[in-house]
Amino acid sequence: MAKSERKFEPEQDFDGRFQRAATLLLMGLLLAYYTYRVAAGPDGWRAVFALLVFLVVAAFAGLLWLMPASLYYSLAGDRLEVGHLLGRRRILLENVRLVKPVEYALGRRSGSAAIPGYYVGRFQSSLGKLTAYAGKPAGEGLLLLLNTGEMVLLTPREAGLLRSRLESAIARAGGGGGGEG
């Protein structure tokens, strides 16, 4: 049996992404230069230490650049898979009670990451407390209500297509817990 799987990309905001990365790299260069000038020891070791400082800052800038690229949604078989920097979350479709389009605004966060293009984790929002896998801090998205009461926010580019495929797959998987869809 062949699994049909389609990845859906999130709608993301990248305002200022390039400027932030360039600023971080410039700060890394300045910090490396400062480290080289003030570090004690032979020139060779000072240069190695300064290079390490720059590499740490560059790695951090690279991580911030790659985080948004790791976010995706995939519908395969009886589950929705959400990929993010630290792994994947699999949501069994039989546990989805409701899928609906919403307008949202993310607010306070706890235990989450928020940078332009990548808003993943627990957020207080205009819809209440929810788990977001979003590419923008505000806009239109899909809200999934799970049987556990958890709300999950997705922001796919093709929201209508993902919604219709989710609803069809949920009906095939057992109709969810509440019968709405």
Protein backbone atom coordinates (compact mmCIF):
# COMPACT_ATOMS: atom_id res chain seq x y z
CA MET A 1 0.00 0.00 0.00
CA ALA A 2 1.56 3.30 -1.09
CA LYS A 3 1.29 6.20 1.28
CA SER A 4 0.29 9.47 -0.30
CA GLU A 5 2.08 12.28 1.44
CA ARG A 6 2.10 15.97 0.63
CA LYS A 7 4.08 18.65 2.38
CA PHE A 8 2.42 21.99 2.95
CA GLU A 9 4.65 25.00 3.49
CA PRO A 10 3.70 27.59 6.11
CA GLU A 11 2.86 31.18 5.28
CA GLN A 12 5.84 33.00 6.81
CA ASP A 13 6.93 36.56 7.48
CA PHE A 14 10.59 37.29 6.95
CA ASP A 15 10.59 41.05 7.57
CA GLY A 16 14.10 42.04 8.54
CA ARG A 17 15.50 38.50 8.37
CA PHE A 18 18.51 39.42 6.23
CA GLN A 19 19.27 42.53 8.30
CA ARG A 20 19.15 40.56 11.56
CA ALA A 21 21.51 37.89 10.21
CA ALA A 22 23.93 40.50 8.85
CA THR A 23 23.84 42.39 12.16
CA LEU A 24 24.57 39.20 14.11
CA LEU A 25 27.53 38.37 11.88
CA LEU A 26 28.87 41.92 12.17
CA MET A 27 28.50 41.74 15.95
CA GLY A 28 30.35 38.41 15.85
CA LEU A 29 33.22 39.99 13.94
CA LEU A 30 33.39 42.90 16.37
CA LEU A 31 33.25 40.58 19.37
CA ALA A 32 35.98 38.39 17.86
CA TYR A 33 38.17 41.46 17.25
CA TYR A 34 37.56 42.69 20.81
CA THR A 35 38.38 39.22 22.14
CA TYR A 36 41.62 39.14 20.15
CA ARG A 37 42.64 42.58 21.43
CA VAL A 38 41.95 41.95 25.14
CA ALA A 39 42.71 38.23 25.54
CA ALA A 40 45.93 37.38 27.36
CA GLY A 41 48.47 34.99 25.92
CA PRO A 42 50.43 34.44 22.72
CA ASP A 43 49.05 35.85 19.45
CA GLY A 44 48.33 32.36 18.07
CA TRP A 45 46.08 31.40 21.00
CA ARG A 46 44.36 34.78 21.00
CA ALA A 47 43.54 34.31 17.32
CA VAL A 48 42.17 30.80 17.93
CA PHE A 49 40.02 32.04 20.81
CA ALA A 50 38.74 34.98 18.72
CA LEU A 51 37.91 32.58 15.86
CA LEU A 52 35.97 30.34 18.26
CA VAL A 53 33.99 33.34 19.50
CA PHE A 54 33.11 34.29 15.92
CA LEU A 55 32.17 30.71 15.03
CA VAL A 56 29.77 30.51 17.99
CA VAL A 57 28.05 33.71 16.90
CA ALA A 58 27.99 32.56 13.24
CA ALA A 59 26.48 29.20 14.29
CA PHE A 60 23.80 31.04 16.24
CA ALA A 61 23.03 33.25 13.21
CA GLY A 62 22.85 30.14 11.02
CA LEU A 63 20.47 28.48 13.45
CA LEU A 64 18.18 31.51 13.38
CA TRP A 65 18.33 31.43 9.57
CA LEU A 66 17.50 27.71 9.35
CA MET A 67 14.73 27.52 11.97
CA PRO A 68 11.99 28.84 9.65
CA ALA A 69 13.07 26.46 6.87
CA SER A 70 12.44 23.47 9.15
CA LEU A 71 8.72 24.22 9.59
CA TYR A 72 6.26 22.19 7.47
CA TYR A 73 2.97 20.29 7.62
CA SER A 74 2.47 16.88 6.06
CA LEU A 75 -0.66 14.78 5.74
CA ALA A 76 0.05 11.06 5.43
CA GLY A 77 -2.34 8.20 6.06
CA ASP A 78 -4.00 8.54 9.44
CA ARG A 79 -1.90 11.39 10.78
CA LEU A 80 -0.85 15.00 10.37
CA GLU A 81 2.86 15.51 10.83
CA VAL A 82 4.26 18.90 11.80
CA GLY A 83 8.00 19.27 11.30
CA HIS A 84 10.00 21.85 13.23
CA LEU A 85 13.59 22.45 14.28
CA LEU A 86 13.59 20.03 17.21
CA GLY A 87 11.77 17.21 15.50
CA ARG A 88 8.27 16.27 14.45
CA ARG A 89 4.88 16.17 16.07
CA ARG A 90 2.46 13.54 14.85
CA ILE A 91 -1.24 14.17 15.40
CA LEU A 92 -3.51 11.18 14.80
CA LEU A 93 -6.48 12.34 12.77
CA GLU A 94 -8.88 10.30 14.90
CA ASN A 95 -7.97 12.70 17.74
CA VAL A 96 -8.93 15.84 15.79
CA ARG A 97 -12.39 17.05 16.74
CA LEU A 98 -12.59 20.20 14.62
CA VAL A 99 -10.67 22.03 11.86
CA LYS A 100 -11.62 25.63 11.21
CA PRO A 101 -10.16 28.71 9.60
CA VAL A 102 -9.42 31.51 12.07
CA GLU A 103 -7.88 34.94 12.38
CA TYR A 104 -5.33 34.99 15.18
CA ALA A 105 -2.76 37.12 16.96
CA LEU A 106 -0.07 35.44 19.06
CA GLY A 107 0.82 37.11 22.34
CA ARG A 108 2.79 35.95 25.36
CA ARG A 109 4.69 32.75 25.00
CA SER A 110 5.96 30.10 27.37
CA GLY A 111 8.41 27.38 26.42
CA SER A 112 8.42 28.44 22.79
CA ALA A 113 10.57 29.97 20.07
CA ALA A 114 9.59 33.14 18.27
CA ILE A 115 11.67 34.68 15.49
CA PRO A 116 10.50 36.04 12.13
CA GLY A 117 9.10 33.12 10.15
CA TYR A 118 9.11 30.67 13.08
CA TYR A 119 6.61 30.78 15.97
CA VAL A 120 6.56 27.34 17.57
CA GLY A 121 5.39 26.38 21.04
CA ARG A 122 2.81 27.41 23.62
CA PHE A 123 1.34 30.89 23.20
CA GLN A 124 -1.36 33.00 24.73
CA SER A 125 -3.30 34.31 21.74
CA SER A 126 -6.47 36.09 20.69
CA LEU A 127 -8.02 32.59 20.59
CA GLY A 128 -6.82 31.55 24.05
CA LYS A 129 -3.93 29.31 25.05
CA LEU A 130 -2.74 27.23 22.12
CA THR A 131 0.15 25.36 20.60
CA ALA A 132 1.35 27.20 17.51
CA TYR A 133 3.29 25.89 14.55
CA ALA A 134 3.11 29.17 12.69
CA GLY A 135 5.17 31.27 10.33
CA LYS A 136 3.61 34.60 11.27
CA PRO A 137 2.68 36.23 14.60
CA ALA A 138 -0.76 37.26 13.31
CA GLY A 139 -3.03 36.60 10.36
CA GLU A 140 -5.16 33.76 9.08
CA GLY A 141 -4.60 30.11 9.86
CA LEU A 142 -6.20 26.78 10.63
CA LEU A 143 -7.16 25.88 14.17
CA LEU A 144 -7.32 22.21 15.12
CA LEU A 145 -9.25 21.32 18.24
CA LEU A 146 -8.09 17.97 19.60
CA ASN A 147 -10.13 15.54 21.71
CA THR A 148 -7.90 16.46 24.68
CA GLY A 149 -9.06 20.09 24.44
CA GLU A 150 -5.71 21.28 23.09
CA MET A 151 -5.85 23.88 20.33
CA VAL A 152 -3.20 23.64 17.60
CA LEU A 153 -2.61 26.53 15.18
CA LEU A 154 -1.18 26.00 11.69
CA THR A 155 -0.52 28.65 9.04
CA PRO A 156 -0.28 26.82 5.69
CA ARG A 157 0.03 28.76 2.43
CA GLU A 158 -2.69 26.58 0.93
CA ALA A 159 -5.02 26.67 3.92
CA GLY A 160 -8.16 25.77 1.95
CA LEU A 161 -6.54 22.74 0.35
CA LEU A 162 -5.05 21.47 3.63
CA ARG A 163 -8.39 22.01 5.38
CA SER A 164 -10.34 20.01 2.80
CA ARG A 165 -7.78 17.20 2.81
CA LEU A 166 -7.75 17.14 6.61
CA GLU A 167 -11.54 16.98 6.80
CA SER A 168 -11.66 14.14 4.25
CA ALA A 169 -8.91 12.22 6.05
CA ILE A 170 -10.58 12.77 9.44
CA ALA A 171 -13.87 11.39 8.08
CA ARG A 172 -12.00 8.31 6.79
CA ALA A 173 -10.15 7.92 10.11
CA GLY A 174 -13.31 7.73 12.15
CA GLY A 175 -14.81 11.20 12.11
CA GLY A 176 -12.90 12.61 15.06
CA GLY A 177 -14.24 12.77 18.57
CA GLY A 178 -16.93 15.42 18.25
CA GLY A 179 -18.34 14.72 14.81
CA GLU A 180 -17.69 18.31 13.64
CA GLY A 181 -15.46 19.10 10.73
